[in-house]
């Protein structure tokens, strides 16, 4: 089983970006006019290599909580991801796109509902799919050692499906450029 490759932007950088965002700002969930996920390319109309302006336009310019490197689309004040989120990072072109389901209320795990379940691949895979369905649709998807993840790597691009161990359903999809 392959090890997960390092992303261009680390999780630590993304976490710092979240902490730096203004607490009073209001964000909202992304609007998906484009309802597709293209493996290694895009989620909901936000594509790797796109400008920040076109990415913001794809998910609703006024809806995201953005700084100079990242935009988060979350309900409410944008400081918690318990309601789910969409995000993209740019330097200045988009290098990472993620869609994450909201946490389930009153129980462990995630809630699989729109708008998070709306974008799908041409093979019907999206938030809420099972790892088995991902592997059937994409035989190149490989388990990431020691993690509840399946990864498809094409050149310098990774598509990562993260699933919850309890219900065995995908709760996060990330497409990003790899650091080589």
N, C-alpha and C. Protein backbone atom coordinates (compact mmCIF):
# COMPACT_ATOMS: atom_id res chain seq x y z
N UNK A 1 0.84 -1.18 0.00
CA UNK A 1 0.00 0.00 0.00
C UNK A 1 0.89 1.25 0.00
N UNK A 2 0.55 2.25 -0.82
CA UNK A 2 1.38 3.44 -0.88
C UNK A 2 1.16 4.34 0.31
N UNK A 3 2.16 5.12 0.64
CA UNK A 3 2.00 6.15 1.65
C UNK A 3 1.38 7.37 1.01
N UNK A 4 0.63 8.16 1.77
CA UNK A 4 0.04 9.37 1.23
C UNK A 4 1.17 10.34 0.91
N UNK A 5 1.07 11.03 -0.21
CA UNK A 5 2.09 11.98 -0.60
C UNK A 5 1.81 13.33 0.02
N UNK A 6 2.84 14.14 0.20
CA UNK A 6 2.69 15.43 0.86
C UNK A 6 2.00 16.44 -0.04
N UNK A 7 0.98 17.18 0.48
CA UNK A 7 0.33 18.20 -0.31
C UNK A 7 1.20 19.45 -0.39
N UNK A 8 0.91 20.27 -1.41
CA UNK A 8 1.65 21.52 -1.59
C UNK A 8 1.44 22.45 -0.41
N UNK A 9 0.21 22.56 0.07
CA UNK A 9 -0.09 23.38 1.25
C UNK A 9 -0.38 22.44 2.40
N UNK A 10 0.32 22.61 3.48
CA UNK A 10 0.12 21.71 4.60
C UNK A 10 -1.16 22.02 5.37
N UNK A 11 -1.60 21.04 6.11
CA UNK A 11 -2.76 21.22 6.96
C UNK A 11 -2.50 22.30 7.99
N UNK A 12 -1.28 22.39 8.47
CA UNK A 12 -0.93 23.42 9.46
C UNK A 12 -1.13 24.82 8.89
N UNK A 13 -0.76 25.02 7.64
CA UNK A 13 -0.95 26.33 7.01
C UNK A 13 -2.44 26.65 6.92
N UNK A 14 -3.23 25.66 6.53
CA UNK A 14 -4.68 25.87 6.45
C UNK A 14 -5.26 26.19 7.81
N UNK A 15 -4.80 25.50 8.86
CA UNK A 15 -5.29 25.77 10.21
C UNK A 15 -4.94 27.18 10.66
N UNK A 16 -3.75 27.64 10.33
CA UNK A 16 -3.37 29.01 10.67
C UNK A 16 -4.24 30.02 9.93
N UNK A 17 -4.57 29.71 8.69
CA UNK A 17 -5.43 30.60 7.92
C UNK A 17 -6.80 30.72 8.57
N UNK A 18 -7.34 29.60 9.08
CA UNK A 18 -8.63 29.63 9.76
C UNK A 18 -8.55 30.50 11.00
N UNK A 19 -7.51 30.34 11.78
CA UNK A 19 -7.37 31.11 13.02
C UNK A 19 -7.25 32.59 12.76
N UNK A 20 -6.72 32.97 11.61
CA UNK A 20 -6.52 34.38 11.29
C UNK A 20 -7.78 35.07 10.78
N UNK A 21 -8.81 34.31 10.46
CA UNK A 21 -10.02 34.90 9.90
C UNK A 21 -10.78 35.69 10.95
N UNK A 22 -11.43 36.76 10.53
CA UNK A 22 -12.18 37.62 11.44
C UNK A 22 -13.36 36.88 12.05
N UNK A 23 -13.53 36.89 13.37
CA UNK A 23 -14.59 36.12 14.01
C UNK A 23 -15.99 36.63 13.70
N UNK A 24 -16.14 37.88 13.37
CA UNK A 24 -17.48 38.42 13.13
C UNK A 24 -17.95 38.19 11.70
N UNK A 25 -17.08 37.75 10.83
CA UNK A 25 -17.45 37.56 9.44
C UNK A 25 -18.46 36.42 9.30
N UNK A 26 -19.36 36.56 8.35
CA UNK A 26 -20.35 35.53 8.09
C UNK A 26 -19.99 34.80 6.80
N UNK A 27 -20.08 33.51 6.82
CA UNK A 27 -19.85 32.70 5.63
C UNK A 27 -21.11 31.88 5.38
N UNK A 28 -21.16 31.25 4.24
CA UNK A 28 -22.29 30.39 3.91
C UNK A 28 -21.77 29.22 3.09
N UNK A 29 -22.59 28.21 2.95
CA UNK A 29 -22.19 27.03 2.20
C UNK A 29 -22.06 27.36 0.72
N UNK A 30 -21.24 26.59 0.00
CA UNK A 30 -21.09 26.85 -1.43
C UNK A 30 -22.38 26.56 -2.18
N UNK A 31 -22.55 27.29 -3.25
CA UNK A 31 -23.65 27.00 -4.18
C UNK A 31 -23.02 26.26 -5.34
N UNK A 32 -23.60 25.14 -5.72
CA UNK A 32 -23.01 24.33 -6.78
C UNK A 32 -23.85 24.42 -8.04
N UNK A 33 -23.53 25.41 -8.88
CA UNK A 33 -24.18 25.44 -10.20
C UNK A 33 -23.64 24.30 -11.04
N UNK A 34 -22.33 24.03 -10.89
CA UNK A 34 -21.70 22.87 -11.53
C UNK A 34 -21.74 21.76 -10.48
N UNK A 35 -22.39 20.68 -10.77
CA UNK A 35 -22.60 19.61 -9.79
C UNK A 35 -21.70 18.41 -10.02
N UNK A 36 -20.51 18.67 -10.57
CA UNK A 36 -19.63 17.55 -10.89
C UNK A 36 -18.34 17.58 -10.07
N UNK A 37 -17.81 16.38 -9.87
CA UNK A 37 -16.45 16.20 -9.35
C UNK A 37 -15.69 15.52 -10.48
N UNK A 38 -14.60 16.12 -10.89
CA UNK A 38 -13.75 15.53 -11.93
C UNK A 38 -12.46 15.11 -11.23
N UNK A 39 -12.22 13.81 -11.18
CA UNK A 39 -11.05 13.26 -10.49
C UNK A 39 -9.78 13.97 -11.00
N UNK A 40 -9.01 14.49 -10.04
CA UNK A 40 -7.75 15.15 -10.37
C UNK A 40 -7.89 16.54 -10.95
N UNK A 41 -9.12 17.08 -11.02
CA UNK A 41 -9.31 18.37 -11.67
C UNK A 41 -10.16 19.37 -10.91
N UNK A 42 -11.39 18.97 -10.50
CA UNK A 42 -12.30 19.98 -9.96
C UNK A 42 -13.38 19.39 -9.06
N UNK A 43 -13.95 20.26 -8.23
CA UNK A 43 -15.13 19.94 -7.42
C UNK A 43 -16.10 21.10 -7.56
N UNK A 44 -17.29 20.81 -8.02
CA UNK A 44 -18.35 21.81 -8.09
C UNK A 44 -18.00 23.07 -8.87
N UNK A 45 -17.18 22.92 -9.91
CA UNK A 45 -16.83 24.07 -10.74
C UNK A 45 -15.56 24.80 -10.33
N UNK A 46 -14.98 24.48 -9.17
CA UNK A 46 -13.70 25.05 -8.76
C UNK A 46 -12.62 24.08 -9.24
N UNK A 47 -11.72 24.57 -10.11
CA UNK A 47 -10.71 23.72 -10.72
C UNK A 47 -9.31 24.06 -10.24
N UNK A 48 -8.48 23.03 -10.13
CA UNK A 48 -7.06 23.27 -9.87
C UNK A 48 -6.52 24.15 -11.00
N UNK A 49 -5.68 25.11 -10.64
CA UNK A 49 -5.09 26.00 -11.64
C UNK A 49 -5.94 27.21 -11.97
N UNK A 50 -7.17 27.27 -11.48
CA UNK A 50 -8.05 28.42 -11.73
C UNK A 50 -7.60 29.61 -10.88
N UNK A 51 -8.02 30.78 -11.27
CA UNK A 51 -7.75 31.96 -10.44
C UNK A 51 -8.66 31.95 -9.23
N UNK A 52 -8.26 32.65 -8.20
CA UNK A 52 -9.10 32.76 -7.00
C UNK A 52 -10.44 33.40 -7.36
N UNK A 53 -10.42 34.39 -8.24
CA UNK A 53 -11.66 35.07 -8.63
C UNK A 53 -12.64 34.12 -9.31
N UNK A 54 -12.14 33.25 -10.20
CA UNK A 54 -13.06 32.33 -10.87
C UNK A 54 -13.55 31.26 -9.90
N UNK A 55 -12.70 30.83 -8.95
CA UNK A 55 -13.14 29.87 -7.94
C UNK A 55 -14.23 30.47 -7.05
N UNK A 56 -14.02 31.72 -6.64
CA UNK A 56 -15.03 32.39 -5.81
C UNK A 56 -16.34 32.53 -6.59
N UNK A 57 -16.25 32.85 -7.86
CA UNK A 57 -17.46 32.98 -8.68
C UNK A 57 -18.18 31.64 -8.80
N UNK A 58 -17.43 30.54 -8.88
CA UNK A 58 -18.04 29.22 -9.03
C UNK A 58 -18.85 28.82 -7.81
N UNK A 59 -18.39 29.20 -6.61
CA UNK A 59 -19.09 28.80 -5.39
C UNK A 59 -19.88 29.93 -4.75
N UNK A 60 -19.88 31.09 -5.34
CA UNK A 60 -20.63 32.23 -4.79
C UNK A 60 -19.69 33.21 -4.12
N UNK A 61 -19.34 34.25 -4.85
CA UNK A 61 -18.33 35.21 -4.42
C UNK A 61 -18.59 35.76 -3.02
N UNK A 62 -19.82 36.11 -2.71
CA UNK A 62 -20.12 36.76 -1.44
C UNK A 62 -20.32 35.76 -0.30
N UNK A 63 -20.24 34.48 -0.58
CA UNK A 63 -20.56 33.47 0.43
C UNK A 63 -19.36 32.98 1.21
N UNK A 64 -18.16 33.08 0.65
CA UNK A 64 -16.98 32.53 1.29
C UNK A 64 -16.32 33.48 2.26
N UNK A 65 -15.62 32.92 3.22
CA UNK A 65 -14.83 33.66 4.17
C UNK A 65 -13.39 33.47 3.73
N UNK A 66 -12.78 34.51 3.16
CA UNK A 66 -11.51 34.36 2.47
C UNK A 66 -10.42 35.24 3.08
N UNK A 67 -9.20 34.75 3.00
CA UNK A 67 -8.02 35.56 3.29
C UNK A 67 -7.16 35.56 2.03
N UNK A 68 -5.87 35.85 2.16
CA UNK A 68 -5.02 35.95 0.97
C UNK A 68 -4.63 34.60 0.38
N UNK A 69 -4.96 33.48 1.02
CA UNK A 69 -4.56 32.18 0.49
C UNK A 69 -5.65 31.11 0.51
N UNK A 70 -6.76 31.32 1.21
CA UNK A 70 -7.77 30.28 1.38
C UNK A 70 -9.16 30.90 1.47
N UNK A 71 -10.14 30.19 0.93
CA UNK A 71 -11.55 30.55 1.11
C UNK A 71 -12.26 29.36 1.73
N UNK A 72 -13.04 29.65 2.78
CA UNK A 72 -13.86 28.64 3.45
C UNK A 72 -15.32 28.99 3.26
N UNK A 73 -16.11 27.99 2.92
CA UNK A 73 -17.55 28.15 2.77
C UNK A 73 -18.18 27.28 3.84
N UNK A 74 -18.68 27.92 4.90
CA UNK A 74 -19.27 27.23 6.05
C UNK A 74 -20.51 27.99 6.49
N UNK A 75 -21.40 27.32 7.20
CA UNK A 75 -22.54 28.05 7.74
C UNK A 75 -22.11 28.92 8.92
N UNK A 76 -22.83 30.00 9.15
CA UNK A 76 -22.61 30.84 10.34
C UNK A 76 -21.35 31.67 10.29
N UNK A 77 -20.64 31.73 11.43
CA UNK A 77 -19.49 32.61 11.52
C UNK A 77 -18.23 32.06 10.87
N UNK A 78 -18.30 30.84 10.36
CA UNK A 78 -17.18 30.30 9.61
C UNK A 78 -16.04 29.78 10.47
N UNK A 79 -16.17 29.79 11.79
CA UNK A 79 -15.06 29.37 12.65
C UNK A 79 -15.12 27.88 12.99
N UNK A 80 -16.23 27.25 12.78
CA UNK A 80 -16.35 25.82 13.09
C UNK A 80 -16.74 25.07 11.82
N UNK A 81 -16.24 23.86 11.69
CA UNK A 81 -16.60 23.06 10.52
C UNK A 81 -17.64 22.00 10.87
N UNK A 82 -18.30 22.13 12.02
CA UNK A 82 -19.30 21.14 12.42
C UNK A 82 -20.48 21.11 11.47
N UNK A 83 -20.72 22.23 10.75
CA UNK A 83 -21.81 22.28 9.79
C UNK A 83 -21.38 21.90 8.39
N UNK A 84 -20.17 21.35 8.26
CA UNK A 84 -19.64 21.00 6.95
C UNK A 84 -18.95 22.19 6.32
N UNK A 85 -18.19 21.92 5.27
CA UNK A 85 -17.50 23.03 4.62
C UNK A 85 -17.00 22.64 3.24
N UNK A 86 -16.83 23.67 2.46
CA UNK A 86 -16.11 23.58 1.21
C UNK A 86 -14.97 24.56 1.34
N UNK A 87 -13.81 24.24 0.79
CA UNK A 87 -12.70 25.18 0.86
C UNK A 87 -11.80 25.01 -0.35
N UNK A 88 -11.06 26.06 -0.66
CA UNK A 88 -10.01 25.97 -1.67
C UNK A 88 -8.88 26.90 -1.26
N UNK A 89 -7.66 26.51 -1.66
CA UNK A 89 -6.46 27.28 -1.36
C UNK A 89 -5.81 27.68 -2.67
N UNK A 90 -5.18 28.83 -2.67
CA UNK A 90 -4.58 29.35 -3.90
C UNK A 90 -3.26 30.06 -3.59
N UNK A 91 -2.33 30.01 -4.59
CA UNK A 91 -1.00 30.61 -4.41
C UNK A 91 -0.42 31.18 -5.71
N UNK A 92 -0.93 32.00 -6.54
CA UNK A 92 -2.25 32.59 -6.55
C UNK A 92 -3.30 31.72 -7.25
N UNK A 93 -2.89 30.67 -7.95
CA UNK A 93 -3.85 29.77 -8.60
C UNK A 93 -4.30 28.70 -7.61
N UNK A 94 -5.49 28.15 -7.83
CA UNK A 94 -6.04 27.13 -6.94
C UNK A 94 -5.15 25.89 -6.96
N UNK A 95 -4.70 25.45 -5.76
CA UNK A 95 -3.84 24.28 -5.61
C UNK A 95 -4.48 23.18 -4.77
N UNK A 96 -5.63 23.49 -4.13
CA UNK A 96 -6.30 22.51 -3.26
C UNK A 96 -7.79 22.84 -3.18
N UNK A 97 -8.61 21.79 -3.28
CA UNK A 97 -10.07 21.94 -3.17
C UNK A 97 -10.55 20.83 -2.24
N UNK A 98 -11.43 21.17 -1.30
CA UNK A 98 -11.95 20.15 -0.39
C UNK A 98 -13.43 20.37 -0.12
N UNK A 99 -14.13 19.28 -0.01
CA UNK A 99 -15.53 19.28 0.38
C UNK A 99 -15.66 18.30 1.54
N UNK A 100 -16.26 18.76 2.66
CA UNK A 100 -16.36 17.93 3.86
C UNK A 100 -17.79 17.97 4.40
N UNK A 101 -18.36 16.80 4.69
CA UNK A 101 -19.72 16.68 5.22
C UNK A 101 -19.80 17.25 6.64
N UNK A 102 -20.99 17.70 7.05
CA UNK A 102 -21.15 18.18 8.43
C UNK A 102 -21.15 17.03 9.43
N UNK A 103 -20.80 17.37 10.67
CA UNK A 103 -20.90 16.38 11.74
C UNK A 103 -22.37 16.08 12.02
N UNK A 104 -22.66 14.85 12.36
CA UNK A 104 -24.04 14.47 12.70
C UNK A 104 -24.39 15.03 14.07
N UNK A 105 -25.60 15.50 14.23
CA UNK A 105 -26.01 16.00 15.54
C UNK A 105 -26.57 14.85 16.37
N UNK A 106 -26.16 14.80 17.64
CA UNK A 106 -26.67 13.80 18.56
C UNK A 106 -26.06 12.42 18.44
N UNK A 107 -25.08 12.25 17.53
CA UNK A 107 -24.42 10.94 17.41
C UNK A 107 -23.05 11.17 16.78
N UNK A 108 -22.22 10.16 16.89
CA UNK A 108 -20.89 10.24 16.27
C UNK A 108 -21.02 10.10 14.76
N UNK A 109 -20.09 10.67 14.07
CA UNK A 109 -20.06 10.51 12.62
C UNK A 109 -20.48 11.77 11.88
N UNK A 110 -20.93 11.57 10.65
CA UNK A 110 -21.22 12.68 9.75
C UNK A 110 -22.64 12.58 9.22
N UNK A 111 -23.16 13.71 8.79
CA UNK A 111 -24.48 13.77 8.18
C UNK A 111 -24.28 13.91 6.67
N UNK A 112 -24.89 13.05 5.91
CA UNK A 112 -24.71 13.04 4.47
C UNK A 112 -25.94 13.66 3.83
N UNK A 113 -25.85 14.98 3.59
CA UNK A 113 -27.00 15.71 3.05
C UNK A 113 -26.52 16.83 2.13
N UNK A 114 -27.46 17.34 1.34
CA UNK A 114 -27.15 18.45 0.43
C UNK A 114 -26.80 19.69 1.26
N UNK A 115 -25.96 20.56 0.78
CA UNK A 115 -25.38 20.56 -0.56
C UNK A 115 -24.15 19.68 -0.72
N UNK A 116 -23.68 19.05 0.35
CA UNK A 116 -22.44 18.29 0.30
C UNK A 116 -22.54 17.05 -0.57
N UNK A 117 -23.68 16.43 -0.63
CA UNK A 117 -23.86 15.22 -1.42
C UNK A 117 -24.21 15.53 -2.87
N UNK A 118 -24.36 16.79 -3.22
CA UNK A 118 -24.77 17.17 -4.57
C UNK A 118 -23.70 16.87 -5.62
N UNK A 119 -22.46 17.36 -5.48
CA UNK A 119 -21.48 17.07 -6.53
C UNK A 119 -21.12 15.58 -6.57
N UNK A 120 -21.06 15.04 -7.78
CA UNK A 120 -20.72 13.63 -7.98
C UNK A 120 -19.79 13.52 -9.19
N UNK A 121 -19.02 12.42 -9.21
CA UNK A 121 -18.21 12.13 -10.39
C UNK A 121 -19.13 11.57 -11.48
N UNK A 122 -18.57 11.39 -12.66
CA UNK A 122 -19.36 10.81 -13.74
C UNK A 122 -19.73 9.36 -13.46
N UNK A 123 -19.12 8.78 -12.42
CA UNK A 123 -19.43 7.41 -12.02
C UNK A 123 -20.29 7.37 -10.76
N UNK A 124 -20.83 8.54 -10.35
CA UNK A 124 -21.76 8.60 -9.24
C UNK A 124 -21.13 8.65 -7.86
N UNK A 125 -19.84 8.90 -7.77
CA UNK A 125 -19.14 8.91 -6.48
C UNK A 125 -19.12 10.33 -5.91
N UNK A 126 -19.40 10.43 -4.62
CA UNK A 126 -19.38 11.72 -3.94
C UNK A 126 -19.40 11.52 -2.44
N UNK A 127 -19.67 12.59 -1.70
CA UNK A 127 -19.80 12.51 -0.25
C UNK A 127 -20.93 11.51 0.05
N UNK A 128 -20.67 10.58 0.97
CA UNK A 128 -21.65 9.56 1.33
C UNK A 128 -21.43 8.22 0.63
N UNK A 129 -20.57 8.19 -0.40
CA UNK A 129 -20.27 6.92 -1.07
C UNK A 129 -19.46 6.01 -0.13
N UNK A 130 -19.51 4.73 -0.37
CA UNK A 130 -18.72 3.79 0.43
C UNK A 130 -17.33 3.63 -0.21
N UNK A 131 -16.33 3.24 0.58
CA UNK A 131 -15.01 2.96 0.01
C UNK A 131 -15.08 1.87 -1.07
N UNK A 132 -15.95 0.87 -0.87
CA UNK A 132 -16.09 -0.19 -1.87
C UNK A 132 -16.59 0.38 -3.19
N UNK A 133 -17.53 1.32 -3.13
CA UNK A 133 -18.03 1.94 -4.36
C UNK A 133 -16.94 2.76 -5.04
N UNK A 134 -16.12 3.45 -4.24
CA UNK A 134 -15.00 4.22 -4.81
C UNK A 134 -14.06 3.27 -5.54
N UNK A 135 -13.70 2.16 -4.91
CA UNK A 135 -12.76 1.21 -5.52
C UNK A 135 -13.35 0.54 -6.77
N UNK A 136 -14.66 0.26 -6.76
CA UNK A 136 -15.29 -0.30 -7.96
C UNK A 136 -15.25 0.70 -9.11
N UNK A 137 -15.56 1.96 -8.80
CA UNK A 137 -15.60 3.00 -9.84
C UNK A 137 -14.20 3.39 -10.30
N UNK A 138 -13.24 3.38 -9.37
CA UNK A 138 -11.87 3.82 -9.66
C UNK A 138 -10.88 2.77 -9.15
N UNK A 139 -10.62 1.74 -9.93
CA UNK A 139 -9.71 0.67 -9.50
C UNK A 139 -8.30 1.18 -9.15
N UNK A 140 -7.92 2.35 -9.66
CA UNK A 140 -6.60 2.92 -9.34
C UNK A 140 -6.55 3.49 -7.93
N UNK A 141 -7.69 3.61 -7.25
CA UNK A 141 -7.71 4.14 -5.87
C UNK A 141 -6.99 3.17 -4.95
N UNK A 142 -6.04 3.68 -4.21
CA UNK A 142 -5.23 2.86 -3.31
C UNK A 142 -5.46 3.27 -1.87
N UNK A 143 -5.48 2.29 -0.97
CA UNK A 143 -5.61 2.58 0.45
C UNK A 143 -4.34 3.29 0.92
N UNK A 144 -4.52 4.25 1.80
CA UNK A 144 -3.39 4.95 2.41
C UNK A 144 -3.10 4.25 3.72
N UNK A 145 -1.90 3.72 3.84
CA UNK A 145 -1.51 2.89 4.98
C UNK A 145 -1.83 3.58 6.31
N UNK A 146 -2.56 2.87 7.17
CA UNK A 146 -2.85 3.35 8.52
C UNK A 146 -3.89 4.45 8.59
N UNK A 147 -4.58 4.72 7.49
CA UNK A 147 -5.57 5.80 7.47
C UNK A 147 -6.85 5.34 6.79
N UNK A 148 -7.97 5.93 7.17
CA UNK A 148 -9.24 5.60 6.49
C UNK A 148 -9.37 6.44 5.21
N UNK A 149 -8.46 6.21 4.27
CA UNK A 149 -8.41 7.02 3.05
C UNK A 149 -8.13 6.15 1.84
N UNK A 150 -8.68 6.59 0.71
CA UNK A 150 -8.33 6.04 -0.59
C UNK A 150 -7.80 7.19 -1.43
N UNK A 151 -6.73 6.94 -2.18
CA UNK A 151 -6.09 8.00 -2.94
C UNK A 151 -5.88 7.57 -4.39
N UNK A 152 -6.16 8.50 -5.29
CA UNK A 152 -5.85 8.33 -6.71
C UNK A 152 -4.81 9.38 -7.04
N UNK A 153 -3.67 8.94 -7.54
CA UNK A 153 -2.61 9.88 -7.91
C UNK A 153 -2.42 9.78 -9.41
N UNK A 154 -2.49 10.93 -10.06
CA UNK A 154 -2.23 11.04 -11.50
C UNK A 154 -1.23 12.17 -11.67
N UNK A 155 0.00 11.80 -12.01
CA UNK A 155 1.05 12.81 -12.13
C UNK A 155 1.29 13.47 -10.79
N UNK A 156 1.16 14.79 -10.75
CA UNK A 156 1.37 15.55 -9.51
C UNK A 156 0.07 15.92 -8.83
N UNK A 157 -1.01 15.23 -9.15
CA UNK A 157 -2.33 15.55 -8.60
C UNK A 157 -2.87 14.36 -7.81
N UNK A 158 -3.38 14.65 -6.61
CA UNK A 158 -3.99 13.64 -5.74
C UNK A 158 -5.47 13.91 -5.57
N UNK A 159 -6.27 12.86 -5.67
CA UNK A 159 -7.67 12.93 -5.26
C UNK A 159 -7.79 11.98 -4.08
N UNK A 160 -8.22 12.51 -2.94
CA UNK A 160 -8.25 11.76 -1.69
C UNK A 160 -9.68 11.64 -1.20
N UNK A 161 -10.12 10.42 -0.93
CA UNK A 161 -11.43 10.14 -0.36
C UNK A 161 -11.21 9.68 1.07
N UNK A 162 -11.69 10.45 2.05
CA UNK A 162 -11.54 10.09 3.45
C UNK A 162 -12.89 9.59 3.95
N UNK A 163 -12.89 8.44 4.59
CA UNK A 163 -14.14 7.86 5.06
C UNK A 163 -14.12 7.67 6.57
N UNK A 164 -15.30 7.60 7.14
CA UNK A 164 -15.47 7.41 8.58
C UNK A 164 -15.42 5.91 8.86
N UNK A 165 -14.64 5.52 9.85
CA UNK A 165 -14.48 4.09 10.15
C UNK A 165 -15.77 3.42 10.61
N UNK A 166 -16.63 4.14 11.32
CA UNK A 166 -17.84 3.52 11.87
C UNK A 166 -18.87 3.19 10.80
N UNK A 167 -19.20 4.16 9.95
CA UNK A 167 -20.25 3.89 8.96
C UNK A 167 -19.69 3.59 7.57
N UNK A 168 -18.36 3.66 7.42
CA UNK A 168 -17.71 3.33 6.15
C UNK A 168 -18.27 4.11 4.98
N UNK A 169 -18.40 5.42 5.17
CA UNK A 169 -18.85 6.30 4.10
C UNK A 169 -17.89 7.47 3.97
N UNK A 170 -17.72 7.94 2.74
CA UNK A 170 -16.81 9.06 2.46
C UNK A 170 -17.41 10.34 3.02
N UNK A 171 -16.64 11.03 3.88
CA UNK A 171 -17.10 12.31 4.43
C UNK A 171 -16.30 13.49 3.91
N UNK A 172 -15.18 13.24 3.23
CA UNK A 172 -14.36 14.32 2.71
C UNK A 172 -13.72 13.91 1.39
N UNK A 173 -13.71 14.85 0.45
CA UNK A 173 -13.04 14.64 -0.83
C UNK A 173 -12.10 15.83 -1.03
N UNK A 174 -10.84 15.54 -1.31
CA UNK A 174 -9.83 16.57 -1.50
C UNK A 174 -9.09 16.32 -2.81
N UNK A 175 -8.95 17.36 -3.60
CA UNK A 175 -8.14 17.31 -4.81
C UNK A 175 -7.06 18.35 -4.65
N UNK A 176 -5.78 17.94 -4.81
CA UNK A 176 -4.69 18.90 -4.59
C UNK A 176 -3.45 18.55 -5.39
N UNK A 177 -2.64 19.59 -5.60
CA UNK A 177 -1.32 19.41 -6.21
C UNK A 177 -0.40 18.85 -5.15
N UNK A 178 0.46 17.92 -5.54
CA UNK A 178 1.40 17.30 -4.62
C UNK A 178 2.73 18.03 -4.61
N UNK A 179 3.39 18.01 -3.47
CA UNK A 179 4.72 18.58 -3.32
C UNK A 179 5.71 17.46 -3.61
N UNK A 180 6.47 17.61 -4.65
CA UNK A 180 7.44 16.56 -5.00
C UNK A 180 8.83 17.05 -4.86
